[in-house]
Amino acid sequence: MTDLDHERLTPELRIASPRWKRWRRFIISAGLGIGMVGIVWFGVDQLTYLRKVNPPGDPLAADVFQVVDGTDVRSLALDLEAAGFIVDSGVFERYVGEEGGLEITPGFYTMRPRDHMGNLLRVLRTPPNETYFKVTFPEGFTVNQVAERVADELGSISSDDFVTDSGLGDLVSVVRSRYQPDSISSLEGLLFPDTYLIAGDSTAAQILRDMISLMERVGRQEGLDDAPSLVGRTPYEVLIIASMIEREARLDDDRDLIARVIYNRLELGMPLEIDATLLYRQDPERPFAELKALQTPYNTYINTGLPPTPIANPGRESIAAALDPAPNPFAGDPLCAEITPVTECRYLYYVLADEDGRHTFAVTLEQHLANVQRAIEAGIL
């Protein structure tokens, strides 16, 4: 059949011709191939997209990200990628669009780098002033330790700024406590240790104010305002004593006895010889013999009387003990057998006695040295 004859065929006959069948099969196969390529390409693209939305592996440790005024979604995405929170700014923009957009509020946000974009978006949708962090400050923390905990948990406040605002050193605290004498610049010992809910946009001054306020409330509850009539000391002096008790006592049962030792030594004009005072604002790795020889206001082996400030932030139990010290031994106590008159039998010494943190108390140096020797032989000291 010639080409002319082929052209004269009806459409039905032309379709049925072998040449046309081959072309039809080729067109169908090509179409199917193109379709399969499209499906595979779409699948690969979607898989890549999902892996960027939720990167493989665990998210990294929480870090703080600052959103500044004038930020839009595009610049936010670029900043997040540059800071390592996301792996692809374009994917983040697309994800935000698919999830209903984002109203951006400037401030500090705590997020985990390489977390699911849904979690990041959830954080960014919560304004900092509506974001709260539960932060615990244990009893016996110093201002420096509080500052480090704040910086670790919030990140929007540096430990240096917190220490500066608290008045350590030659600076004056930006807020003050009603228990703080005019001559004292530092808030050491005036911040109540507890668990706080801190807003994400809080300043150092606001956190300090909350901790001072709670200390004042606890002080009123425990009778700190009545300290002069209870123990013959000002409320601030009682907080100094409470801070030493806090750092020395491991068990609640020992707190009021340690308080009694401190008051007895103060009354007799003896150096307090509180080991914890030597460590205040010193390198804890420094040998104890060197610490004892340092000429500082906190060396209670060299100086008599109280240190100039508290050495930590005391809890409720230590404040209560400082306001209500244990009585001295009763007349028939074997500890007083060698003391005459018996009214002079007073607790003056204590030493760690067991691995649980219990202390043994003594009224004479000889008794104390014997207790020390027993602790050494038991491997406690």
Protein backbone atom coordinates (compact mmCIF):
# COMPACT_ATOMS: atom_id res chain seq x y z
CA MET A 1 0.00 0.00 0.00
CA THR A 2 1.38 3.42 -0.95
CA ASP A 3 1.36 6.44 1.31
CA LEU A 4 -1.35 7.93 -0.93
CA ASP A 5 -3.49 4.84 -0.46
CA HIS A 6 -2.95 5.13 3.31
CA GLU A 7 -4.12 8.72 3.35
CA ARG A 8 -7.29 7.69 1.55
CA LEU A 9 -8.24 5.18 4.24
CA THR A 10 -11.09 5.96 6.56
CA PRO A 11 -10.16 6.88 10.21
CA GLU A 12 -11.37 3.47 11.39
CA LEU A 13 -9.13 1.63 8.94
CA ARG A 14 -6.20 3.97 9.55
CA ILE A 15 -6.31 3.32 13.32
CA ALA A 16 -6.31 -0.36 12.69
CA SER A 17 -3.16 -0.23 10.56
CA PRO A 18 0.01 -1.78 12.03
CA ARG A 19 2.04 1.46 11.71
CA TRP A 20 -0.54 3.48 13.56
CA LYS A 21 -0.81 0.81 16.29
CA ARG A 22 2.92 1.05 16.86
CA TRP A 23 2.75 4.82 17.18
CA ARG A 24 -0.19 4.56 19.57
CA ARG A 25 1.68 2.12 21.79
CA PHE A 26 4.71 4.44 21.79
CA ILE A 27 2.59 7.47 22.78
CA ILE A 28 0.86 5.56 25.57
CA SER A 29 4.15 4.18 26.92
CA ALA A 30 5.77 7.60 26.83
CA GLY A 31 2.83 9.11 28.66
CA LEU A 32 2.94 6.46 31.32
CA GLY A 33 6.70 6.96 31.70
CA ILE A 34 6.33 10.67 32.10
CA GLY A 35 3.56 10.10 34.66
CA MET A 36 5.69 7.69 36.65
CA VAL A 37 8.60 10.13 36.63
CA GLY A 38 6.26 12.81 37.90
CA ILE A 39 4.96 10.58 40.67
CA VAL A 40 8.47 9.57 41.73
CA TRP A 41 9.65 13.19 41.60
CA PHE A 42 6.69 14.29 43.72
CA GLY A 43 7.36 11.52 46.24
CA VAL A 44 11.03 12.38 46.55
CA ASP A 45 10.23 16.07 46.95
CA GLN A 46 7.62 15.36 49.61
CA LEU A 47 9.98 13.07 51.51
CA THR A 48 12.72 15.71 51.41
CA TYR A 49 10.22 18.31 52.62
CA LEU A 50 9.09 16.14 55.54
CA ARG A 51 12.69 15.37 56.56
CA LYS A 52 13.37 19.11 56.71
CA VAL A 53 10.19 19.76 58.68
CA ASN A 54 11.23 17.08 61.17
CA PRO A 55 15.01 16.51 60.94
CA PRO A 56 16.20 13.01 61.85
CA GLY A 57 17.68 12.45 65.28
CA ASP A 58 16.84 14.05 68.61
CA PRO A 59 16.55 17.83 68.93
CA LEU A 60 19.49 19.61 70.52
CA ALA A 61 19.54 21.21 73.97
CA ALA A 62 17.22 24.17 74.44
CA ASP A 63 18.64 27.54 73.49
CA VAL A 64 17.38 31.11 73.36
CA PHE A 65 16.44 32.85 70.13
CA GLN A 66 15.73 36.57 69.93
CA VAL A 67 13.13 38.03 67.58
CA VAL A 68 13.69 41.74 66.96
CA ASP A 69 11.26 44.45 65.90
CA GLY A 70 10.42 44.53 62.19
CA THR A 71 10.94 40.80 61.64
CA ASP A 72 8.75 39.17 58.98
CA VAL A 73 8.37 35.47 58.22
CA ARG A 74 11.06 35.54 55.54
CA SER A 75 13.70 37.20 57.73
CA LEU A 76 12.63 35.07 60.68
CA ALA A 77 13.18 31.92 58.63
CA LEU A 78 16.62 33.10 57.51
CA ASP A 79 17.60 33.97 61.09
CA LEU A 80 16.40 30.60 62.38
CA GLU A 81 18.42 28.79 59.75
CA ALA A 82 21.53 30.87 60.44
CA ALA A 83 21.20 30.11 64.17
CA GLY A 84 20.83 26.38 63.52
CA PHE A 85 17.24 26.02 64.71
CA ILE A 86 16.00 24.86 61.29
CA VAL A 87 17.75 23.31 58.29
CA ASP A 88 15.91 25.12 55.47
CA SER A 89 14.41 28.60 55.61
CA GLY A 90 12.32 28.04 52.48
CA VAL A 91 10.74 24.92 53.93
CA PHE A 92 9.97 26.82 57.12
CA GLU A 93 8.23 29.59 55.16
CA ARG A 94 6.17 27.00 53.29
CA TYR A 95 5.33 25.17 56.52
CA VAL A 96 4.22 28.38 58.24
CA GLY A 97 1.99 29.19 55.29
CA GLU A 98 0.42 25.74 55.27
CA GLU A 99 -0.18 25.96 59.03
CA GLY A 100 -2.07 29.23 58.94
CA GLY A 101 0.69 31.81 59.18
CA LEU A 102 2.41 33.44 62.13
CA GLU A 103 1.86 36.73 63.95
CA ILE A 104 5.38 37.65 65.05
CA THR A 105 6.02 39.16 68.48
CA PRO A 106 9.51 40.49 69.33
CA GLY A 107 11.21 38.98 72.35
CA PHE A 108 13.21 36.01 73.58
CA TYR A 109 12.07 32.46 72.85
CA THR A 110 13.51 29.26 74.28
CA MET A 111 13.46 26.45 71.71
CA ARG A 112 15.34 23.28 70.80
CA PRO A 113 17.41 23.45 67.59
CA ARG A 114 16.44 20.89 64.94
CA ASP A 115 13.12 20.25 66.65
CA HIS A 116 9.97 19.56 64.62
CA MET A 117 8.91 22.80 62.96
CA GLY A 118 5.50 22.35 64.55
CA ASN A 119 7.06 22.63 68.00
CA LEU A 120 9.10 25.66 66.97
CA LEU A 121 6.01 27.31 65.52
CA ARG A 122 4.05 26.59 68.67
CA VAL A 123 6.70 28.39 70.76
CA LEU A 124 6.86 31.33 68.35
CA ARG A 125 3.08 31.70 68.51
CA THR A 126 3.23 32.16 72.29
CA PRO A 127 4.36 35.71 73.17
CA PRO A 128 7.24 35.79 75.67
CA ASN A 129 5.12 37.47 78.32
CA GLU A 130 2.77 34.46 78.17
CA THR A 131 5.62 31.91 78.35
CA TYR A 132 6.59 30.71 81.80
CA PHE A 133 9.54 28.67 82.99
CA LYS A 134 9.51 26.66 86.21
CA VAL A 135 12.86 27.36 87.86
CA THR A 136 13.96 25.87 91.19
CA PHE A 137 16.54 27.51 93.43
CA PRO A 138 17.57 25.09 96.23
CA GLU A 139 18.20 26.15 99.80
CA GLY A 140 21.78 27.29 100.30
CA PHE A 141 22.25 28.67 96.78
CA THR A 142 24.37 31.81 96.63
CA VAL A 143 23.46 34.77 94.43
CA ASN A 144 26.07 33.57 91.93
CA GLN A 145 24.44 30.15 91.77
CA VAL A 146 21.00 31.71 91.38
CA ALA A 147 22.37 33.84 88.53
CA GLU A 148 23.80 30.79 86.77
CA ARG A 149 20.51 28.90 87.12
CA VAL A 150 18.55 31.86 85.70
CA ALA A 151 20.93 32.15 82.74
CA ASP A 152 20.72 28.40 82.07
CA GLU A 153 16.94 28.24 82.23
CA LEU A 154 15.98 31.53 80.57
CA GLY A 155 18.96 32.57 78.49
CA SER A 156 17.49 36.03 77.99
CA ILE A 157 19.26 37.16 81.18
CA SER A 158 23.00 36.78 81.51
CA SER A 159 24.47 35.66 84.82
CA ASP A 160 26.65 38.80 84.84
CA ASP A 161 23.61 41.07 84.54
CA PHE A 162 21.85 39.21 87.34
CA VAL A 163 24.88 39.43 89.64
CA THR A 164 25.26 43.13 88.85
CA ASP A 165 21.61 43.86 89.61
CA SER A 166 21.88 41.93 92.88
CA GLY A 167 24.57 44.33 94.11
CA LEU A 168 27.47 41.94 94.61
CA GLY A 169 30.80 43.72 94.73
CA ASP A 170 30.95 47.50 94.93
CA LEU A 171 27.61 48.06 93.19
CA VAL A 172 24.27 48.67 94.89
CA SER A 173 21.37 46.30 94.24
CA VAL A 174 18.74 47.70 91.87
CA VAL A 175 16.00 46.59 94.28
CA ARG A 176 16.23 46.37 98.05
CA SER A 177 14.82 44.27 100.87
CA ARG A 178 13.22 45.66 104.00
CA TYR A 179 15.71 43.50 105.92
CA GLN A 180 18.70 45.00 104.09
CA PRO A 181 20.70 47.53 106.15
CA ASP A 182 21.52 50.82 104.43
CA SER A 183 25.23 49.98 104.50
CA ILE A 184 24.76 46.67 102.65
CA SER A 185 24.72 46.72 98.86
CA SER A 186 24.31 42.99 98.23
CA LEU A 187 21.14 40.90 98.20
CA GLU A 188 23.00 37.79 99.33
CA GLY A 189 20.83 35.92 101.82
CA LEU A 190 17.75 37.97 100.99
CA LEU A 191 16.41 35.84 98.11
CA PHE A 192 14.10 33.06 99.21
CA PRO A 193 14.97 29.65 97.73
CA ASP A 194 11.93 28.06 96.13
CA THR A 195 10.41 27.06 92.78
CA TYR A 196 9.25 30.05 90.74
CA LEU A 197 7.23 30.47 87.55
CA ILE A 198 9.21 33.08 85.64
CA ALA A 199 7.81 34.81 82.56
CA GLY A 200 9.88 34.60 79.40
CA ASP A 201 10.23 38.38 79.21
CA SER A 202 11.19 38.87 82.87
CA THR A 203 14.15 41.07 83.75
CA ALA A 204 16.74 40.35 86.42
CA ALA A 205 15.20 43.06 88.59
CA GLN A 206 11.75 41.46 88.38
CA ILE A 207 13.09 38.04 89.39
CA LEU A 208 15.03 39.57 92.29
CA ARG A 209 11.95 41.48 93.40
CA ASP A 210 9.86 38.28 93.46
CA MET A 211 12.49 36.39 95.45
CA ILE A 212 12.88 39.27 97.93
CA SER A 213 9.12 39.50 98.34
CA LEU A 214 8.82 35.82 99.17
CA MET A 215 11.71 36.05 101.67
CA GLU A 216 9.94 38.93 103.39
CA ARG A 217 6.69 36.98 103.52
CA VAL A 218 8.38 33.89 104.96
CA GLY A 219 10.26 36.15 107.38
CA ARG A 220 6.99 37.58 108.70
CA GLN A 221 5.52 34.08 109.04
CA GLU A 222 8.54 32.82 111.00
CA GLY A 223 8.77 35.88 113.26
CA LEU A 224 11.91 37.41 111.75
CA ASP A 225 10.60 40.91 112.47
CA ASP A 226 10.59 40.00 116.17
CA ALA A 227 14.25 38.85 116.09
CA PRO A 228 15.47 41.50 118.60
CA SER A 229 13.10 40.25 121.28
CA LEU A 230 13.50 36.56 120.38
CA VAL A 231 17.29 36.25 120.12
CA GLY A 232 18.66 39.75 120.66
CA ARG A 233 19.73 40.15 117.02
CA THR A 234 18.48 42.20 114.08
CA PRO A 235 16.55 40.41 111.32
CA TYR A 236 19.56 40.78 109.02
CA GLU A 237 21.91 39.26 111.60
CA VAL A 238 19.52 36.34 111.98
CA LEU A 239 19.64 35.82 108.20
CA ILE A 240 23.44 35.74 108.40
CA ILE A 241 23.20 33.06 111.09
CA ALA A 242 20.53 31.18 109.12
CA SER A 243 22.76 31.19 106.03
CA MET A 244 25.59 29.55 107.98
CA ILE A 245 23.19 26.96 109.36
CA GLU A 246 21.96 26.28 105.84
CA ARG A 247 25.45 25.62 104.54
CA GLU A 248 26.54 23.58 107.55
CA ALA A 249 23.52 21.40 108.36
CA ARG A 250 22.59 18.39 106.27
CA LEU A 251 19.79 17.14 108.54
CA ASP A 252 16.94 19.20 109.96
CA ASP A 253 17.51 17.75 113.43
CA ASP A 254 20.92 19.44 113.58
CA ARG A 255 19.84 22.94 112.60
CA ASP A 256 18.70 24.25 115.99
CA LEU A 257 21.76 22.69 117.69
CA ILE A 258 24.12 24.40 115.23
CA ALA A 259 22.22 27.61 115.91
CA ARG A 260 22.85 27.15 119.63
CA VAL A 261 26.59 26.66 119.05
CA ILE A 262 26.70 29.88 117.02
CA TYR A 263 24.86 31.92 119.66
CA ASN A 264 27.00 30.49 122.45
CA ARG A 265 30.22 31.37 120.67
CA LEU A 266 28.98 34.86 119.86
CA GLU A 267 28.07 35.40 123.51
CA LEU A 268 31.49 34.23 124.69
CA GLY A 269 33.39 36.22 122.05
CA MET A 270 34.83 33.07 120.48
CA PRO A 271 35.57 32.81 116.74
CA LEU A 272 32.72 30.94 115.10
CA GLU A 273 35.09 28.68 113.13
CA ILE A 274 32.40 27.89 110.53
CA ASP A 275 34.04 26.05 107.63
CA ALA A 276 31.37 27.15 105.16
CA THR A 277 32.31 30.82 105.62
CA LEU A 278 35.84 30.12 104.39
CA LEU A 279 34.47 28.84 101.08
CA TYR A 280 32.25 31.85 100.39
CA ARG A 281 33.27 33.37 97.04
CA GLN A 282 36.48 31.31 97.04
CA ASP A 283 37.76 28.54 94.81
CA PRO A 284 36.32 25.33 96.32
CA GLU A 285 39.38 23.43 95.11
CA ARG A 286 41.71 25.56 97.18
CA PRO A 287 43.28 23.63 100.09
CA PHE A 288 41.50 24.08 103.40
CA ALA A 289 44.72 25.15 105.15
CA GLU A 290 45.10 28.03 102.69
CA LEU A 291 41.48 29.06 103.15
CA LYS A 292 41.97 29.20 106.93
CA ALA A 293 44.91 31.55 106.49
CA LEU A 294 43.17 33.99 104.11
CA GLN A 295 42.63 37.45 105.54
CA THR A 296 39.02 38.03 104.46
CA PRO A 297 35.96 39.35 106.33
CA TYR A 298 34.42 35.89 105.94
CA ASN A 299 37.21 34.01 107.71
CA THR A 300 35.48 33.07 110.96
CA TYR A 301 38.61 31.28 112.19
CA ILE A 302 40.48 34.59 112.31
CA ASN A 303 37.68 37.09 112.98
CA THR A 304 35.21 37.08 115.84
CA GLY A 305 31.57 38.01 115.43
CA LEU A 306 29.39 37.50 112.38
CA PRO A 307 30.51 37.74 108.76
CA PRO A 308 29.47 41.01 107.11
CA THR A 309 26.72 39.39 105.01
CA PRO A 310 24.95 36.05 104.68
CA ILE A 311 26.94 33.44 102.79
CA ALA A 312 23.92 31.89 101.02
CA ASN A 313 20.16 32.14 100.77
CA PRO A 314 18.64 30.23 103.70
CA GLY A 315 15.43 28.24 103.61
CA ARG A 316 12.52 28.31 106.05
CA GLU A 317 13.91 25.60 108.37
CA SER A 318 17.22 27.38 108.84
CA ILE A 319 15.51 30.71 109.50
CA ALA A 320 13.27 29.02 112.07
CA ALA A 321 16.30 27.41 113.75
CA ALA A 322 18.14 30.74 113.91
CA LEU A 323 15.12 32.27 115.65
CA ASP A 324 14.63 29.34 118.03
CA PRO A 325 17.97 27.64 118.83
CA ALA A 326 18.04 24.42 120.82
CA PRO A 327 18.55 24.70 124.59
CA ASN A 328 21.92 23.88 126.08
CA PRO A 329 22.37 20.44 127.71
CA PHE A 330 20.30 19.82 130.81
CA ALA A 331 21.99 19.53 134.19
CA GLY A 332 22.07 15.72 134.24
CA ASP A 333 23.52 15.34 130.73
CA PRO A 334 26.77 13.27 130.82
CA LEU A 335 28.36 15.94 128.60
CA CYS A 336 28.21 18.33 131.56
CA ALA A 337 29.84 16.02 134.12
CA GLU A 338 33.13 17.91 134.04
CA ILE A 339 31.59 21.41 133.89
CA THR A 340 31.20 23.46 137.05
CA PRO A 341 29.00 25.26 137.62
CA VAL A 342 26.61 23.23 135.46
CA THR A 343 24.99 26.43 134.25
CA GLU A 344 28.15 27.02 132.19
CA CYS A 345 27.62 23.79 130.25
CA ARG A 346 27.09 24.95 126.67
CA TYR A 347 27.26 23.46 123.21
CA LEU A 348 30.39 24.93 121.63
CA TYR A 349 31.59 22.36 119.08
CA TYR A 350 30.25 19.99 116.45
CA VAL A 351 31.71 17.68 113.83
CA LEU A 352 30.34 15.44 111.12
CA ALA A 353 29.58 12.02 112.60
CA ASP A 354 28.26 9.75 109.85
CA GLU A 355 27.70 9.45 106.12
CA ASP A 356 24.08 10.59 106.47
CA GLY A 357 25.33 14.03 107.50
CA ARG A 358 24.56 13.83 111.20
CA HIS A 359 26.73 15.88 113.55
CA THR A 360 28.03 15.14 117.03
CA PHE A 361 27.99 18.03 119.50
CA ALA A 362 30.33 18.72 122.39
CA VAL A 363 30.69 21.16 125.28
CA THR A 364 34.48 20.93 125.79
CA LEU A 365 37.43 20.93 123.42
CA GLU A 366 38.52 17.52 124.74
CA GLN A 367 35.13 16.02 123.88
CA HIS A 368 35.27 17.64 120.45
CA LEU A 369 38.76 16.34 119.67
CA ALA A 370 37.63 12.84 120.64
CA ASN A 371 34.64 13.18 118.30
CA VAL A 372 36.92 14.35 115.51
CA GLN A 373 39.21 11.35 116.01
CA ARG A 374 36.26 8.95 115.84
CA ALA A 375 35.10 10.60 112.60
CA ILE A 376 38.59 10.24 111.12
CA GLU A 377 38.79 6.57 112.10
CA ALA A 378 35.36 5.96 110.57
CA GLY A 379 36.47 7.56 107.32
CA ILE A 380 33.97 10.41 107.65
CA LEU A 381 36.64 13.13 107.68
